[in-house]
């Protein structure tokens, strides 16, 4: 039983990384979108969460099961983890985008100023 559980997790990680790579590869020219899709895929697919007393499962499986299939389940842990992780990934993506945009604008401003000084 234990070896089947480990084999299932290894299969999940290999297939999950492959699926995330297939989703991110077409977006490679749009860095921020690729970062967002990759981070969300890793978070939702590959983050384990306790399912019962002895087993762990991926977050999307646990949350789907607890929300839609098990009426008596307490989904507080999985819903909280999902919300915090998603908000953190969105905030990180927006922060990276804002920092890079500001960096480029400040850099181009200094570049124009230096070019204008050279022209004088």
C-alpha atoms as a PDB file:
ATOM      1  CA  UNK A   1       0.000   0.000   0.000  1.00  0.00           C
ATOM      2  CA  UNK A   2       2.755   2.455   0.886  1.00  0.00           C
ATOM      3  CA  UNK A   3       4.667   1.866  -2.356  1.00  0.00           C
ATOM      4  CA  UNK A   4       1.518   2.509  -4.414  1.00  0.00           C
ATOM      5  CA  UNK A   5       0.998   5.790  -2.552  1.00  0.00           C
ATOM      6  CA  UNK A   6       4.590   6.902  -3.249  1.00  0.00           C
ATOM      7  CA  UNK A   7       4.299   5.811  -6.882  1.00  0.00           C
ATOM      8  CA  UNK A   8       1.084   7.824  -7.252  1.00  0.00           C
ATOM      9  CA  UNK A   9       2.796  10.957  -5.926  1.00  0.00           C
ATOM     10  CA  UNK A  10       5.803  10.464  -8.206  1.00  0.00           C
ATOM     11  CA  UNK A  11       3.470  10.028 -11.178  1.00  0.00           C
ATOM     12  CA  UNK A  12       1.524  13.124 -10.174  1.00  0.00           C
ATOM     13  CA  UNK A  13       4.665  15.242  -9.950  1.00  0.00           C
ATOM     14  CA  UNK A  14       6.064  14.025 -13.277  1.00  0.00           C
ATOM     15  CA  UNK A  15       2.757  14.495 -15.095  1.00  0.00           C
ATOM     16  CA  UNK A  16       2.060  17.777 -13.312  1.00  0.00           C
ATOM     17  CA  UNK A  17       5.400  19.271 -14.279  1.00  0.00           C
ATOM     18  CA  UNK A  18       4.882  18.086 -17.846  1.00  0.00           C
ATOM     19  CA  UNK A  19       1.400  19.610 -18.026  1.00  0.00           C
ATOM     20  CA  UNK A  20       2.614  22.886 -16.548  1.00  0.00           C
ATOM     21  CA  UNK A  21       5.462  22.973 -19.071  1.00  0.00           C
ATOM     22  CA  UNK A  22       2.982  22.403 -21.903  1.00  0.00           C
ATOM     23  CA  UNK A  23       0.860  25.284 -20.623  1.00  0.00           C
ATOM     24  CA  UNK A  24       3.769  27.673 -20.071  1.00  0.00           C
ATOM     25  CA  UNK A  25       5.732  26.950 -23.272  1.00  0.00           C
ATOM     26  CA  UNK A  26       3.348  28.752 -25.664  1.00  0.00           C
ATOM     27  CA  UNK A  27       3.357  31.760 -23.313  1.00  0.00           C
ATOM     28  CA  UNK A  28       7.136  32.117 -23.132  1.00  0.00           C
ATOM     29  CA  UNK A  29       7.103  35.479 -24.941  1.00  0.00           C
ATOM     30  CA  UNK A  30       4.664  36.868 -22.372  1.00  0.00           C
ATOM     31  CA  UNK A  31       6.744  36.425 -19.235  1.00  0.00           C
ATOM     32  CA  UNK A  32       4.220  37.647 -16.687  1.00  0.00           C
ATOM     33  CA  UNK A  33       1.409  35.477 -17.998  1.00  0.00           C
ATOM     34  CA  UNK A  34       3.729  32.465 -18.189  1.00  0.00           C
ATOM     35  CA  UNK A  35       4.912  33.124 -14.626  1.00  0.00           C
ATOM     36  CA  UNK A  36       1.319  33.412 -13.398  1.00  0.00           C
ATOM     37  CA  UNK A  37       0.108  30.258 -15.166  1.00  0.00           C
ATOM     38  CA  UNK A  38       3.157  28.267 -14.046  1.00  0.00           C
ATOM     39  CA  UNK A  39       2.935  29.395 -10.439  1.00  0.00           C
ATOM     40  CA  UNK A  40      -0.805  28.702 -10.262  1.00  0.00           C
ATOM     41  CA  UNK A  41      -0.297  25.294 -11.845  1.00  0.00           C
ATOM     42  CA  UNK A  42       2.435  24.352  -9.421  1.00  0.00           C
ATOM     43  CA  UNK A  43       0.416  25.597  -6.479  1.00  0.00           C
ATOM     44  CA  UNK A  44      -2.926  23.991  -7.332  1.00  0.00           C
ATOM     45  CA  UNK A  45      -1.515  20.767  -8.760  1.00  0.00           C
ATOM     46  CA  UNK A  46       1.566  19.945  -6.753  1.00  0.00           C
ATOM     47  CA  UNK A  47       0.953  21.301  -3.240  1.00  0.00           C
ATOM     48  CA  UNK A  48      -0.108  18.456  -0.956  1.00  0.00           C
ATOM     49  CA  UNK A  49      -2.781  19.004   1.682  1.00  0.00           C
ATOM     50  CA  UNK A  50      -4.017  16.537   4.319  1.00  0.00           C
ATOM     51  CA  UNK A  51      -6.976  14.583   3.042  1.00  0.00           C
ATOM     52  CA  UNK A  52      -7.656  12.431   6.069  1.00  0.00           C
ATOM     53  CA  UNK A  53      -5.639  11.304   9.059  1.00  0.00           C
ATOM     54  CA  UNK A  54      -3.067   9.337   7.081  1.00  0.00           C
ATOM     55  CA  UNK A  55      -3.161  10.496   3.453  1.00  0.00           C
ATOM     56  CA  UNK A  56      -2.291  13.639   1.543  1.00  0.00           C
ATOM     57  CA  UNK A  57      -3.606  14.716  -1.847  1.00  0.00           C
ATOM     58  CA  UNK A  58      -3.138  17.653  -4.235  1.00  0.00           C
ATOM     59  CA  UNK A  59      -4.952  20.817  -3.269  1.00  0.00           C
ATOM     60  CA  UNK A  60      -7.339  20.858  -6.222  1.00  0.00           C
ATOM     61  CA  UNK A  61      -8.396  17.246  -5.561  1.00  0.00           C
ATOM     62  CA  UNK A  62      -9.000  17.803  -1.857  1.00  0.00           C
ATOM     63  CA  UNK A  63     -10.893  21.045  -2.349  1.00  0.00           C
ATOM     64  CA  UNK A  64     -13.044  19.626  -5.153  1.00  0.00           C
ATOM     65  CA  UNK A  65     -13.870  16.534  -3.130  1.00  0.00           C
ATOM     66  CA  UNK A  66     -14.655  18.449   0.039  1.00  0.00           C
ATOM     67  CA  UNK A  67     -16.739  21.129  -1.667  1.00  0.00           C
ATOM     68  CA  UNK A  68     -18.766  19.036  -4.095  1.00  0.00           C
ATOM     69  CA  UNK A  69     -18.689  15.376  -3.109  1.00  0.00           C
ATOM     70  CA  UNK A  70     -18.573  15.196   0.692  1.00  0.00           C
ATOM     71  CA  UNK A  71     -21.388  17.097   2.376  1.00  0.00           C
ATOM     72  CA  UNK A  72     -20.004  16.525   5.885  1.00  0.00           C
ATOM     73  CA  UNK A  73     -16.404  17.515   5.136  1.00  0.00           C
ATOM     74  CA  UNK A  74     -14.771  20.484   6.774  1.00  0.00           C
ATOM     75  CA  UNK A  75     -13.081  22.368   3.970  1.00  0.00           C
ATOM     76  CA  UNK A  76     -11.702  25.228   6.084  1.00  0.00           C
ATOM     77  CA  UNK A  77      -8.042  24.177   5.784  1.00  0.00           C
ATOM     78  CA  UNK A  78      -8.086  23.523   2.049  1.00  0.00           C
ATOM     79  CA  UNK A  79     -10.153  26.624   1.231  1.00  0.00           C
ATOM     80  CA  UNK A  80      -7.911  28.821   3.383  1.00  0.00           C
ATOM     81  CA  UNK A  81      -4.769  27.404   1.793  1.00  0.00           C
ATOM     82  CA  UNK A  82      -6.229  27.849  -1.688  1.00  0.00           C
ATOM     83  CA  UNK A  83      -7.261  31.446  -1.027  1.00  0.00           C
ATOM     84  CA  UNK A  84      -3.985  32.481   0.604  1.00  0.00           C
ATOM     85  CA  UNK A  85      -1.878  30.812  -2.060  1.00  0.00           C
ATOM     86  CA  UNK A  86      -3.844  32.267  -4.949  1.00  0.00           C
ATOM     87  CA  UNK A  87      -3.810  35.783  -3.473  1.00  0.00           C
ATOM     88  CA  UNK A  88      -0.065  35.495  -2.836  1.00  0.00           C
ATOM     89  CA  UNK A  89       0.632  34.407  -6.415  1.00  0.00           C
ATOM     90  CA  UNK A  90      -1.512  37.215  -7.855  1.00  0.00           C
ATOM     91  CA  UNK A  91       0.211  39.760  -5.586  1.00  0.00           C
ATOM     92  CA  UNK A  92       3.678  38.460  -6.501  1.00  0.00           C
ATOM     93  CA  UNK A  93       2.898  38.600 -10.219  1.00  0.00           C
ATOM     94  CA  UNK A  94       1.575  42.154  -9.951  1.00  0.00           C
ATOM     95  CA  UNK A  95       4.543  43.239  -7.825  1.00  0.00           C
ATOM     96  CA  UNK A  96       7.044  41.811 -10.323  1.00  0.00           C
ATOM     97  CA  UNK A  97       5.178  43.485 -13.181  1.00  0.00           C
ATOM     98  CA  UNK A  98       5.027  46.853 -11.381  1.00  0.00           C
ATOM     99  CA  UNK A  99       8.696  46.733 -10.400  1.00  0.00           C
ATOM    100  CA  UNK A 100       9.809  45.844 -13.917  1.00  0.00           C
ATOM    101  CA  UNK A 101       7.612  48.530 -15.472  1.00  0.00           C
ATOM    102  CA  UNK A 102       8.916  51.183 -13.076  1.00  0.00           C
ATOM    103  CA  UNK A 103      12.500  50.041 -13.650  1.00  0.00           C
ATOM    104  CA  UNK A 104      12.116  50.327 -17.415  1.00  0.00           C
ATOM    105  CA  UNK A 105      10.492  53.773 -17.216  1.00  0.00           C
ATOM    106  CA  UNK A 106      13.134  55.145 -14.874  1.00  0.00           C
ATOM    107  CA  UNK A 107      15.870  53.643 -17.033  1.00  0.00           C
ATOM    108  CA  UNK A 108      14.453  55.144 -20.211  1.00  0.00           C
ATOM    109  CA  UNK A 109      14.042  58.513 -18.462  1.00  0.00           C
ATOM    110  CA  UNK A 110      17.726  58.531 -17.468  1.00  0.00           C
ATOM    111  CA  UNK A 111      18.701  57.344 -20.924  1.00  0.00           C
ATOM    112  CA  UNK A 112      16.775  60.203 -22.564  1.00  0.00           C
ATOM    113  CA  UNK A 113      18.273  62.694 -20.124  1.00  0.00           C
ATOM    114  CA  UNK A 114      21.795  61.454 -20.868  1.00  0.00           C
ATOM    115  CA  UNK A 115      21.090  61.563 -24.603  1.00  0.00           C
ATOM    116  CA  UNK A 116      19.761  65.125 -24.327  1.00  0.00           C
ATOM    117  CA  UNK A 117      22.868  66.202 -22.376  1.00  0.00           C
ATOM    118  CA  UNK A 118      25.134  64.646 -25.021  1.00  0.00           C
ATOM    119  CA  UNK A 119      23.272  66.513 -27.775  1.00  0.00           C
ATOM    120  CA  UNK A 120      23.902  69.851 -26.059  1.00  0.00           C
END
